[in-house]
């Protein structure tokens, strides 16, 4: 189960979906793609500073005082995560 926690100043993603074997897991791939796109988008498209750590089965993103552009990017990430959680509720949980 992948657990996603979205708080005021942080986003934490942990776990593995175990929807399919490693390398073929579309749920893990979707969540990973959204998280990495969020990080890269904030870094490349805004002046905002974020801290992040990525390791197998875990992504931690910390941020403060985000611009409106970054808030929109975070909102877009959240919409995508909610769509995956709605489609695969037994594999992704939003905390």
C-alpha atoms as a PDB file:
ATOM      1  CA  UNK A   1       0.000   0.000   0.000  1.00  0.00           C
ATOM      2  CA  UNK A   2       1.264   3.458  -0.896  1.00  0.00           C
ATOM      3  CA  UNK A   3       0.390   6.105   1.683  1.00  0.00           C
ATOM      4  CA  UNK A   4       0.384   9.770   0.673  1.00  0.00           C
ATOM      5  CA  UNK A   5       0.324  12.478   3.325  1.00  0.00           C
ATOM      6  CA  UNK A   6      -0.191  16.071   2.206  1.00  0.00           C
ATOM      7  CA  UNK A   7       0.275  18.695   4.896  1.00  0.00           C
ATOM      8  CA  UNK A   8       0.692  22.463   4.864  1.00  0.00           C
ATOM      9  CA  UNK A   9       4.490  22.357   4.492  1.00  0.00           C
ATOM     10  CA  UNK A  10       5.213  18.802   3.339  1.00  0.00           C
ATOM     11  CA  UNK A  11       4.256  15.873   1.195  1.00  0.00           C
ATOM     12  CA  UNK A  12       5.240  12.352   2.219  1.00  0.00           C
ATOM     13  CA  UNK A  13       4.838   9.280   0.069  1.00  0.00           C
ATOM     14  CA  UNK A  14       5.759   5.863   1.412  1.00  0.00           C
ATOM     15  CA  UNK A  15       5.310   2.225   0.597  1.00  0.00           C
ATOM     16  CA  UNK A  16       4.842   0.081  -2.458  1.00  0.00           C
ATOM     17  CA  UNK A  17       1.565  -0.638  -4.218  1.00  0.00           C
ATOM     18  CA  UNK A  18       2.357  -4.293  -4.957  1.00  0.00           C
ATOM     19  CA  UNK A  19      -0.159  -4.084  -7.795  1.00  0.00           C
ATOM     20  CA  UNK A  20       2.236  -6.028 -10.026  1.00  0.00           C
ATOM     21  CA  UNK A  21       5.825  -7.249  -9.983  1.00  0.00           C
ATOM     22  CA  UNK A  22       8.559  -4.649  -9.688  1.00  0.00           C
ATOM     23  CA  UNK A  23       9.141  -2.986 -13.028  1.00  0.00           C
ATOM     24  CA  UNK A  24       5.566  -3.636 -14.196  1.00  0.00           C
ATOM     25  CA  UNK A  25       3.640  -1.905 -11.410  1.00  0.00           C
ATOM     26  CA  UNK A  26       1.584   0.831 -13.076  1.00  0.00           C
ATOM     27  CA  UNK A  27       0.325   2.168  -9.750  1.00  0.00           C
ATOM     28  CA  UNK A  28       3.846   2.719  -8.384  1.00  0.00           C
ATOM     29  CA  UNK A  29       4.908   4.153 -11.722  1.00  0.00           C
ATOM     30  CA  UNK A  30       2.029   6.635 -11.746  1.00  0.00           C
ATOM     31  CA  UNK A  31       2.649   7.839  -8.199  1.00  0.00           C
ATOM     32  CA  UNK A  32       6.390   8.098  -8.820  1.00  0.00           C
ATOM     33  CA  UNK A  33       5.865  10.038 -12.046  1.00  0.00           C
ATOM     34  CA  UNK A  34       3.602  12.536 -10.295  1.00  0.00           C
ATOM     35  CA  UNK A  35       6.034  13.042  -7.398  1.00  0.00           C
ATOM     36  CA  UNK A  36       9.116  13.469  -9.581  1.00  0.00           C
ATOM     37  CA  UNK A  37       7.256  15.789 -11.955  1.00  0.00           C
ATOM     38  CA  UNK A  38       6.170  17.944  -9.010  1.00  0.00           C
ATOM     39  CA  UNK A  39       9.753  18.243  -7.744  1.00  0.00           C
ATOM     40  CA  UNK A  40      11.192  19.042 -11.176  1.00  0.00           C
ATOM     41  CA  UNK A  41       8.386  21.490 -12.006  1.00  0.00           C
ATOM     42  CA  UNK A  42       8.802  23.495  -8.802  1.00  0.00           C
ATOM     43  CA  UNK A  43      12.578  23.589  -9.321  1.00  0.00           C
ATOM     44  CA  UNK A  44      12.451  24.512 -13.021  1.00  0.00           C
ATOM     45  CA  UNK A  45       9.337  26.675 -13.268  1.00  0.00           C
ATOM     46  CA  UNK A  46       9.483  28.698 -10.057  1.00  0.00           C
ATOM     47  CA  UNK A  47      11.950  30.512  -7.826  1.00  0.00           C
ATOM     48  CA  UNK A  48      10.696  28.580  -4.782  1.00  0.00           C
ATOM     49  CA  UNK A  49      13.059  26.419  -2.772  1.00  0.00           C
ATOM     50  CA  UNK A  50      12.061  22.941  -1.690  1.00  0.00           C
ATOM     51  CA  UNK A  51      13.867  20.186   0.135  1.00  0.00           C
ATOM     52  CA  UNK A  52      13.331  16.603  -0.886  1.00  0.00           C
ATOM     53  CA  UNK A  53      14.623  13.103  -0.308  1.00  0.00           C
ATOM     54  CA  UNK A  54      13.986  10.186  -2.617  1.00  0.00           C
ATOM     55  CA  UNK A  55      14.705   6.574  -1.715  1.00  0.00           C
ATOM     56  CA  UNK A  56      13.151   3.240  -2.660  1.00  0.00           C
ATOM     57  CA  UNK A  57       9.546   3.295  -1.486  1.00  0.00           C
ATOM     58  CA  UNK A  58       9.748   6.846  -0.155  1.00  0.00           C
ATOM     59  CA  UNK A  59       9.575  10.478  -1.277  1.00  0.00           C
ATOM     60  CA  UNK A  60       9.629  13.337   1.240  1.00  0.00           C
ATOM     61  CA  UNK A  61       9.120  16.907   0.056  1.00  0.00           C
ATOM     62  CA  UNK A  62       9.341  19.900   2.399  1.00  0.00           C
ATOM     63  CA  UNK A  63       8.411  23.432   1.378  1.00  0.00           C
ATOM     64  CA  UNK A  64       7.593  26.838   2.839  1.00  0.00           C
ATOM     65  CA  UNK A  65       5.926  30.002   1.629  1.00  0.00           C
ATOM     66  CA  UNK A  66       5.141  28.700  -1.834  1.00  0.00           C
ATOM     67  CA  UNK A  67       4.290  31.074  -4.650  1.00  0.00           C
ATOM     68  CA  UNK A  68       0.898  30.830  -6.305  1.00  0.00           C
ATOM     69  CA  UNK A  69       2.522  28.986  -9.219  1.00  0.00           C
ATOM     70  CA  UNK A  70       3.982  26.339  -6.897  1.00  0.00           C
ATOM     71  CA  UNK A  71       0.693  26.039  -5.028  1.00  0.00           C
ATOM     72  CA  UNK A  72      -0.973  25.321  -8.360  1.00  0.00           C
ATOM     73  CA  UNK A  73       1.630  22.652  -9.097  1.00  0.00           C
ATOM     74  CA  UNK A  74       1.001  21.044  -5.685  1.00  0.00           C
ATOM     75  CA  UNK A  75      -2.754  21.183  -6.334  1.00  0.00           C
ATOM     76  CA  UNK A  76      -2.221  19.477  -9.693  1.00  0.00           C
ATOM     77  CA  UNK A  77      -0.121  16.779  -8.007  1.00  0.00           C
ATOM     78  CA  UNK A  78      -2.912  16.262  -5.460  1.00  0.00           C
ATOM     79  CA  UNK A  79      -5.547  15.961  -8.190  1.00  0.00           C
ATOM     80  CA  UNK A  80      -3.443  13.296  -9.906  1.00  0.00           C
ATOM     81  CA  UNK A  81      -2.835  11.368  -6.682  1.00  0.00           C
ATOM     82  CA  UNK A  82      -6.559  11.479  -5.883  1.00  0.00           C
ATOM     83  CA  UNK A  83      -7.366  10.108  -9.340  1.00  0.00           C
ATOM     84  CA  UNK A  84      -4.975   7.189  -8.809  1.00  0.00           C
ATOM     85  CA  UNK A  85      -6.327   6.569  -5.291  1.00  0.00           C
ATOM     86  CA  UNK A  86      -9.907   6.602  -6.618  1.00  0.00           C
ATOM     87  CA  UNK A  87      -9.026   4.114  -9.364  1.00  0.00           C
ATOM     88  CA  UNK A  88      -6.888   1.857  -7.149  1.00  0.00           C
ATOM     89  CA  UNK A  89      -8.158   2.364  -3.548  1.00  0.00           C
ATOM     90  CA  UNK A  90      -6.700  -0.924  -2.329  1.00  0.00           C
ATOM     91  CA  UNK A  91      -3.200   0.215  -3.406  1.00  0.00           C
ATOM     92  CA  UNK A  92      -3.061   3.964  -2.632  1.00  0.00           C
ATOM     93  CA  UNK A  93      -4.325   5.688   0.498  1.00  0.00           C
ATOM     94  CA  UNK A  94      -4.376   9.429   1.101  1.00  0.00           C
ATOM     95  CA  UNK A  95      -3.809  10.162   4.770  1.00  0.00           C
END
